[in-house]
PDB file of N, CA and C in Angstrom:
ATOM      1  N   UNK A   1      92.277  -5.212 -71.986  1.00  0.00           N
ATOM      2  CA  UNK A   1      90.965  -5.032 -72.434  1.00  0.00           C
ATOM      3  C   UNK A   1      90.899  -5.375 -73.947  1.00  0.00           C
ATOM      4  N   UNK A   2      92.041  -5.058 -74.712  1.00  0.00           N
ATOM      5  CA  UNK A   2      91.903  -5.066 -75.999  1.00  0.00           C
ATOM      6  C   UNK A   2      92.059  -6.741 -76.606  1.00  0.00           C
ATOM      7  N   UNK A   3      92.563  -7.370 -75.622  1.00  0.00           N
ATOM      8  CA  UNK A   3      92.720  -8.920 -76.008  1.00  0.00           C
ATOM      9  C   UNK A   3      91.080  -9.440 -75.974  1.00  0.00           C
ATOM     10  N   UNK A   4      90.597  -9.183 -74.802  1.00  0.00           N
ATOM     11  CA  UNK A   4      89.147  -9.576 -74.632  1.00  0.00           C
ATOM     12  C   UNK A   4      88.390  -9.076 -75.758  1.00  0.00           C
ATOM     13  N   UNK A   5      88.468  -8.058 -76.204  1.00  0.00           N
ATOM     14  CA  UNK A   5      87.720  -7.468 -77.204  1.00  0.00           C
ATOM     15  C   UNK A   5      88.118  -8.174 -78.659  1.00  0.00           C
ATOM     16  N   UNK A   6      89.180  -8.357 -78.879  1.00  0.00           N
ATOM     17  CA  UNK A   6      89.759  -9.393 -80.007  1.00  0.00           C
ATOM     18  C   UNK A   6      89.160 -10.779 -79.891  1.00  0.00           C
ATOM     19  N   UNK A   7      89.275 -11.257 -78.841  1.00  0.00           N
ATOM     20  CA  UNK A   7      88.801 -12.437 -78.651  1.00  0.00           C
ATOM     21  C   UNK A   7      86.889 -12.793 -78.826  1.00  0.00           C
ATOM     22  N   UNK A   8      86.297 -11.637 -78.303  1.00  0.00           N
ATOM     23  CA  UNK A   8      84.998 -11.809 -78.543  1.00  0.00           C
ATOM     24  C   UNK A   8      84.284 -11.330 -79.856  1.00  0.00           C
ATOM     25  N   UNK A   9      85.478 -10.712 -80.631  1.00  0.00           N
ATOM     26  CA  UNK A   9      84.873 -10.163 -82.066  1.00  0.00           C
ATOM     27  C   UNK A   9      85.217 -11.470 -82.874  1.00  0.00           C
ATOM     28  N   UNK A  10      86.116 -12.547 -82.565  1.00  0.00           N
ATOM     29  CA  UNK A  10      86.338 -13.719 -83.451  1.00  0.00           C
ATOM     30  C   UNK A  10      85.630 -14.835 -83.304  1.00  0.00           C
ATOM     31  N   UNK A  11      84.471 -14.762 -82.211  1.00  0.00           N
ATOM     32  CA  UNK A  11      83.563 -15.585 -81.877  1.00  0.00           C
ATOM     33  C   UNK A  11      82.238 -15.360 -82.700  1.00  0.00           C
ATOM     34  N   UNK A  12      81.708 -16.481 -83.418  1.00  0.00           N
ATOM     35  CA  UNK A  12      80.798 -16.213 -84.334  1.00  0.00           C
ATOM     36  C   UNK A  12      79.369 -16.388 -83.542  1.00  0.00           C
ATOM     37  N   UNK A  13      78.471 -15.641 -84.044  1.00  0.00           N
ATOM     38  CA  UNK A  13      77.204 -15.591 -83.190  1.00  0.00           C
ATOM     39  C   UNK A  13      77.278 -14.815 -81.984  1.00  0.00           C
ATOM     40  N   UNK A  14      78.352 -14.325 -81.415  1.00  0.00           N
ATOM     41  CA  UNK A  14      78.332 -13.751 -79.976  1.00  0.00           C
ATOM     42  C   UNK A  14      77.334 -12.474 -80.033  1.00  0.00           C
ATOM     43  N   UNK A  15      76.989 -11.786 -81.055  1.00  0.00           N
ATOM     44  CA  UNK A  15      75.886 -10.805 -81.135  1.00  0.00           C
ATOM     45  C   UNK A  15      74.725 -11.186 -80.800  1.00  0.00           C
ATOM     46  N   UNK A  16      74.312 -12.616 -80.909  1.00  0.00           N
ATOM     47  CA  UNK A  16      73.074 -13.018 -80.330  1.00  0.00           C
ATOM     48  C   UNK A  16      72.856 -13.019 -79.137  1.00  0.00           C
ATOM     49  N   UNK A  17      74.000 -13.371 -78.137  1.00  0.00           N
ATOM     50  CA  UNK A  17      73.954 -13.480 -76.737  1.00  0.00           C
ATOM     51  C   UNK A  17      73.748 -11.884 -76.329  1.00  0.00           C
ATOM     52  N   UNK A  18      74.294 -10.841 -76.862  1.00  0.00           N
ATOM     53  CA  UNK A  18      74.160  -9.486 -76.381  1.00  0.00           C
ATOM     54  C   UNK A  18      72.592  -9.055 -76.817  1.00  0.00           C
ATOM     55  N   UNK A  19      71.817  -9.807 -77.743  1.00  0.00           N
ATOM     56  CA  UNK A  19      70.507  -9.416 -78.115  1.00  0.00           C
ATOM     57  C   UNK A  19      69.729  -9.842 -76.969  1.00  0.00           C
ATOM     58  N   UNK A  20      70.161 -11.418 -76.685  1.00  0.00           N
ATOM     59  CA  UNK A  20      69.163 -12.082 -75.756  1.00  0.00           C
ATOM     60  C   UNK A  20      69.373 -11.285 -74.402  1.00  0.00           C
ATOM     61  N   UNK A  21      70.509 -10.991 -73.896  1.00  0.00           N
ATOM     62  CA  UNK A  21      70.812 -10.394 -72.590  1.00  0.00           C
ATOM     63  C   UNK A  21      70.209  -9.036 -72.264  1.00  0.00           C
ATOM     64  N   UNK A  22      70.214  -8.345 -73.453  1.00  0.00           N
ATOM     65  CA  UNK A  22      69.355  -7.056 -73.521  1.00  0.00           C
ATOM     66  C   UNK A  22      67.791  -7.228 -73.252  1.00  0.00           C
ATOM     67  N   UNK A  23      67.406  -8.175 -73.997  1.00  0.00           N
ATOM     68  CA  UNK A  23      65.893  -8.435 -74.013  1.00  0.00           C
ATOM     69  C   UNK A  23      65.273  -8.945 -72.721  1.00  0.00           C
ATOM     70  N   UNK A  24      66.248  -9.892 -72.096  1.00  0.00           N
ATOM     71  CA  UNK A  24      66.021 -10.435 -70.825  1.00  0.00           C
ATOM     72  C   UNK A  24      65.936  -9.176 -69.813  1.00  0.00           C
ATOM     73  N   UNK A  25      67.008  -8.207 -69.806  1.00  0.00           N
ATOM     74  CA  UNK A  25      67.071  -7.194 -68.940  1.00  0.00           C
ATOM     75  C   UNK A  25      65.927  -6.253 -69.052  1.00  0.00           C
ATOM     76  N   UNK A  26      65.225  -5.913 -70.244  1.00  0.00           N
ATOM     77  CA  UNK A  26      64.238  -5.323 -70.288  1.00  0.00           C
ATOM     78  C   UNK A  26      62.880  -5.905 -70.042  1.00  0.00           C
ATOM     79  N   UNK A  27      62.635  -7.285 -70.133  1.00  0.00           N
ATOM     80  CA  UNK A  27      61.813  -7.952 -69.801  1.00  0.00           C
ATOM     81  C   UNK A  27      61.476  -7.936 -68.195  1.00  0.00           C
ATOM     82  N   UNK A  28      62.652  -8.221 -67.481  1.00  0.00           N
ATOM     83  CA  UNK A  28      62.764  -8.170 -66.084  1.00  0.00           C
ATOM     84  C   UNK A  28      62.275  -6.929 -65.566  1.00  0.00           C
ATOM     85  N   UNK A  29      62.845  -5.651 -66.010  1.00  0.00           N
ATOM     86  CA  UNK A  29      62.679  -4.341 -65.777  1.00  0.00           C
ATOM     87  C   UNK A  29      61.239  -4.064 -65.628  1.00  0.00           C
ATOM     88  N   UNK A  30      60.585  -4.439 -66.951  1.00  0.00           N
ATOM     89  CA  UNK A  30      59.146  -4.191 -67.148  1.00  0.00           C
ATOM     90  C   UNK A  30      58.318  -4.998 -66.094  1.00  0.00           C
ATOM     91  N   UNK A  31      58.803  -6.067 -65.873  1.00  0.00           N
ATOM     92  CA  UNK A  31      57.773  -6.942 -65.040  1.00  0.00           C
ATOM     93  C   UNK A  31      57.893  -6.440 -63.547  1.00  0.00           C
ATOM     94  N   UNK A  32      59.193  -5.945 -63.299  1.00  0.00           N
ATOM     95  CA  UNK A  32      59.347  -5.590 -61.616  1.00  0.00           C
ATOM     96  C   UNK A  32      58.648  -4.026 -61.349  1.00  0.00           C
ATOM     97  N   UNK A  33      58.595  -3.509 -62.696  1.00  0.00           N
ATOM     98  CA  UNK A  33      57.930  -2.178 -62.716  1.00  0.00           C
ATOM     99  C   UNK A  33      56.210  -2.338 -62.644  1.00  0.00           C
ATOM    100  N   UNK A  34      55.729  -3.243 -63.341  1.00  0.00           N
ATOM    101  CA  UNK A  34      54.503  -3.581 -63.306  1.00  0.00           C
ATOM    102  C   UNK A  34      54.055  -4.221 -62.004  1.00  0.00           C
ATOM    103  N   UNK A  35      54.618  -5.311 -61.492  1.00  0.00           N
ATOM    104  CA  UNK A  35      54.534  -5.661 -59.960  1.00  0.00           C
ATOM    105  C   UNK A  35      54.742  -4.726 -59.091  1.00  0.00           C
ATOM    106  N   UNK A  36      55.476  -3.814 -59.053  1.00  0.00           N
ATOM    107  CA  UNK A  36      55.352  -2.784 -57.954  1.00  0.00           C
ATOM    108  C   UNK A  36      54.116  -1.690 -57.894  1.00  0.00           C
ATOM    109  N   UNK A  37      53.937  -1.447 -59.143  1.00  0.00           N
ATOM    110  CA  UNK A  37      52.792  -0.548 -59.516  1.00  0.00           C
ATOM    111  C   UNK A  37      51.447  -1.294 -59.113  1.00  0.00           C
ATOM    112  N   UNK A  38      51.253  -2.536 -59.365  1.00  0.00           N
ATOM    113  CA  UNK A  38      50.121  -3.224 -59.029  1.00  0.00           C
ATOM    114  C   UNK A  38      49.882  -3.452 -57.390  1.00  0.00           C
ATOM    115  N   UNK A  39      51.055  -3.609 -56.542  1.00  0.00           N
ATOM    116  CA  UNK A  39      50.783  -3.870 -55.098  1.00  0.00           C
ATOM    117  C   UNK A  39      49.771  -2.874 -54.679  1.00  0.00           C
ATOM    118  N   UNK A  40      49.200  -3.463 -53.465  1.00  0.00           N
ATOM    119  CA  UNK A  40      48.183  -2.693 -52.911  1.00  0.00           C
ATOM    120  C   UNK A  40      49.011  -1.578 -51.863  1.00  0.00           C
ATOM    121  N   UNK A  41      48.182  -0.392 -51.898  1.00  0.00           N
ATOM    122  CA  UNK A  41      48.816   0.548 -51.108  1.00  0.00           C
ATOM    123  C   UNK A  41      49.142   0.370 -49.730  1.00  0.00           C
ATOM    124  N   UNK A  42      48.042  -0.351 -49.160  1.00  0.00           N
ATOM    125  CA  UNK A  42      48.498  -0.717 -47.717  1.00  0.00           C
ATOM    126  C   UNK A  42      49.848  -1.788 -47.705  1.00  0.00           C
ATOM    127  N   UNK A  43      49.738  -2.527 -48.365  1.00  0.00           N
ATOM    128  CA  UNK A  43      51.025  -3.312 -48.431  1.00  0.00           C
ATOM    129  C   UNK A  43      52.301  -2.444 -48.745  1.00  0.00           C
ATOM    130  N   UNK A  44      52.253  -1.426 -49.489  1.00  0.00           N
ATOM    131  CA  UNK A  44      53.305  -0.524 -49.778  1.00  0.00           C
ATOM    132  C   UNK A  44      53.502   0.283 -48.456  1.00  0.00           C
ATOM    133  N   UNK A  45      52.698   0.837 -47.844  1.00  0.00           N
ATOM    134  CA  UNK A  45      52.836   1.651 -46.562  1.00  0.00           C
ATOM    135  C   UNK A  45      53.561   0.351 -45.531  1.00  0.00           C
ATOM    136  N   UNK A  46      53.008  -0.655 -45.415  1.00  0.00           N
ATOM    137  CA  UNK A  46      53.633  -1.684 -44.333  1.00  0.00           C
ATOM    138  C   UNK A  46      55.159  -1.833 -44.744  1.00  0.00           C
ATOM    139  N   UNK A  47      55.641  -1.842 -45.869  1.00  0.00           N
ATOM    140  CA  UNK A  47      56.815  -2.086 -46.264  1.00  0.00           C
ATOM    141  C   UNK A  47      57.684  -0.647 -45.837  1.00  0.00           C
ATOM    142  N   UNK A  48      57.056   0.425 -46.371  1.00  0.00           N
ATOM    143  CA  UNK A  48      57.624   1.652 -46.066  1.00  0.00           C
ATOM    144  C   UNK A  48      58.054   1.725 -44.394  1.00  0.00           C
ATOM    145  N   UNK A  49      56.959   1.477 -43.840  1.00  0.00           N
ATOM    146  CA  UNK A  49      57.201   1.629 -42.225  1.00  0.00           C
ATOM    147  C   UNK A  49      57.736   0.296 -41.675  1.00  0.00           C
ATOM    148  N   UNK A  50      57.960  -0.551 -42.069  1.00  0.00           N
ATOM    149  CA  UNK A  50      58.827  -1.797 -41.611  1.00  0.00           C
ATOM    150  C   UNK A  50      60.205  -1.373 -40.890  1.00  0.00           C
ATOM    151  N   UNK A  51      60.910  -0.480 -41.509  1.00  0.00           N
ATOM    152  CA  UNK A  51      62.038  -0.045 -41.135  1.00  0.00           C
ATOM    153  C   UNK A  51      61.941   0.542 -39.785  1.00  0.00           C
ATOM    154  N   UNK A  52      60.808   1.304 -39.400  1.00  0.00           N
ATOM    155  CA  UNK A  52      60.653   1.993 -38.164  1.00  0.00           C
ATOM    156  C   UNK A  52      60.302   0.827 -36.913  1.00  0.00           C
ATOM    157  N   UNK A  53      59.865  -0.256 -37.349  1.00  0.00           N
ATOM    158  CA  UNK A  53      59.470  -1.009 -36.312  1.00  0.00           C
ATOM    159  C   UNK A  53      60.559  -2.211 -35.853  1.00  0.00           C
ATOM    160  N   UNK A  54      60.667  -2.269 -34.594  1.00  0.00           N
ATOM    161  CA  UNK A  54      61.580  -3.300 -33.965  1.00  0.00           C
ATOM    162  C   UNK A  54      60.942  -4.893 -34.219  1.00  0.00           C
ATOM    163  N   UNK A  55      61.722  -5.857 -33.542  1.00  0.00           N
ATOM    164  CA  UNK A  55      61.186  -6.932 -33.552  1.00  0.00           C
ATOM    165  C   UNK A  55      59.874  -7.384 -33.095  1.00  0.00           C
ATOM    166  N   UNK A  56      59.226  -6.556 -32.242  1.00  0.00           N
ATOM    167  CA  UNK A  56      58.062  -6.977 -31.421  1.00  0.00           C
ATOM    168  C   UNK A  56      56.839  -6.002 -32.076  1.00  0.00           C
ATOM    169  N   UNK A  57      57.255  -5.496 -33.373  1.00  0.00           N
ATOM    170  CA  UNK A  57      56.049  -4.653 -33.976  1.00  0.00           C
ATOM    171  C   UNK A  57      55.914  -3.459 -33.503  1.00  0.00           C
ATOM    172  N   UNK A  58      56.668  -2.872 -32.585  1.00  0.00           N
ATOM    173  CA  UNK A  58      56.477  -1.759 -32.003  1.00  0.00           C
ATOM    174  C   UNK A  58      57.022  -0.590 -32.730  1.00  0.00           C
ATOM    175  N   UNK A  59      56.481   0.488 -32.925  1.00  0.00           N
ATOM    176  CA  UNK A  59      57.107   1.879 -33.466  1.00  0.00           C
ATOM    177  C   UNK A  59      58.306   2.365 -32.778  1.00  0.00           C
ATOM    178  N   UNK A  60      59.197   2.317 -33.652  1.00  0.00           N
ATOM    179  CA  UNK A  60      60.308   3.012 -32.613  1.00  0.00           C
ATOM    180  C   UNK A  60      60.419   5.023 -33.017  1.00  0.00           C
ATOM    181  N   UNK A  61      60.228   5.466 -32.090  1.00  0.00           N
ATOM    182  CA  UNK A  61      60.238   6.862 -32.054  1.00  0.00           C
ATOM    183  C   UNK A  61      61.476   7.635 -32.590  1.00  0.00           C
ATOM    184  N   UNK A  62      61.462   8.692 -33.337  1.00  0.00           N
ATOM    185  CA  UNK A  62      63.000   8.890 -33.573  1.00  0.00           C
ATOM    186  C   UNK A  62      63.358  10.185 -32.574  1.00  0.00           C
TER     187      UNK A  62
END
Protein backbone atom coordinates (compact mmCIF):
# COMPACT_ATOMS: atom_id res chain seq x y z
CA UNK A 1 0.00 0.00 0.00
CA UNK A 2 2.91 2.30 0.72
CA UNK A 3 4.16 1.84 -2.86
CA UNK A 4 0.82 3.01 -4.27
CA UNK A 5 0.69 5.88 -1.79
CA UNK A 6 4.16 7.06 -2.77
CA UNK A 7 3.36 6.73 -6.46
CA UNK A 8 0.19 8.82 -6.16
CA UNK A 9 2.02 11.53 -4.20
CA UNK A 10 4.46 12.02 -7.07
CA UNK A 11 1.76 12.65 -9.68
CA UNK A 12 1.10 16.35 -10.10
CA UNK A 13 -2.52 17.45 -10.14
CA UNK A 14 -3.84 14.18 -8.70
CA UNK A 15 -5.84 16.10 -6.07
CA UNK A 16 -8.00 17.48 -8.89
CA UNK A 17 -9.18 13.94 -9.66
CA UNK A 18 -10.09 13.40 -6.02
CA UNK A 19 -12.16 16.57 -6.00
CA UNK A 20 -13.83 15.71 -9.33
CA UNK A 21 -14.71 12.21 -8.09
CA UNK A 22 -16.19 13.58 -4.88
CA UNK A 23 -18.27 16.15 -6.77
CA UNK A 24 -19.58 13.51 -9.18
CA UNK A 25 -20.53 11.26 -6.24
CA UNK A 26 -22.45 14.01 -4.44
CA UNK A 27 -24.16 15.17 -7.63
CA UNK A 28 -25.34 11.64 -8.46
CA UNK A 29 -26.44 11.00 -4.86
CA UNK A 30 -28.54 14.18 -4.80
CA UNK A 31 -29.97 13.37 -8.23
CA UNK A 32 -31.05 9.87 -7.13
CA UNK A 33 -32.61 11.17 -3.92
CA UNK A 34 -34.60 13.85 -5.77
CA UNK A 35 -35.70 11.36 -8.43
CA UNK A 36 -36.84 8.88 -5.81
CA UNK A 37 -38.77 11.46 -3.81
CA UNK A 38 -40.58 12.80 -6.89
CA UNK A 39 -41.90 9.41 -8.02
CA UNK A 40 -45.67 9.00 -7.68
CA UNK A 41 -46.85 7.01 -4.67
CA UNK A 42 -48.71 4.55 -6.94
CA UNK A 43 -45.53 3.73 -8.85
CA UNK A 44 -43.61 3.22 -5.59
CA UNK A 45 -46.36 0.86 -4.34
CA UNK A 46 -46.15 -1.11 -7.61
CA UNK A 47 -42.38 -1.45 -7.22
CA UNK A 48 -42.74 -2.46 -3.57
CA UNK A 49 -45.36 -5.11 -4.35
CA UNK A 50 -43.62 -6.44 -7.48
CA UNK A 51 -41.61 -8.93 -5.44
CA UNK A 52 -44.84 -10.60 -4.28
CA UNK A 53 -46.17 -11.11 -7.83
CA UNK A 54 -45.36 -14.02 -10.09
CA UNK A 55 -44.91 -13.78 -13.89
CA UNK A 56 -48.67 -13.71 -14.51
CA UNK A 57 -49.25 -10.72 -12.25
CA UNK A 58 -50.97 -12.79 -9.58
CA UNK A 59 -50.11 -12.07 -5.98
CA UNK A 60 -48.36 -14.90 -4.16
CA UNK A 61 -49.85 -15.52 -0.74
CA UNK A 62 -47.29 -16.08 2.04
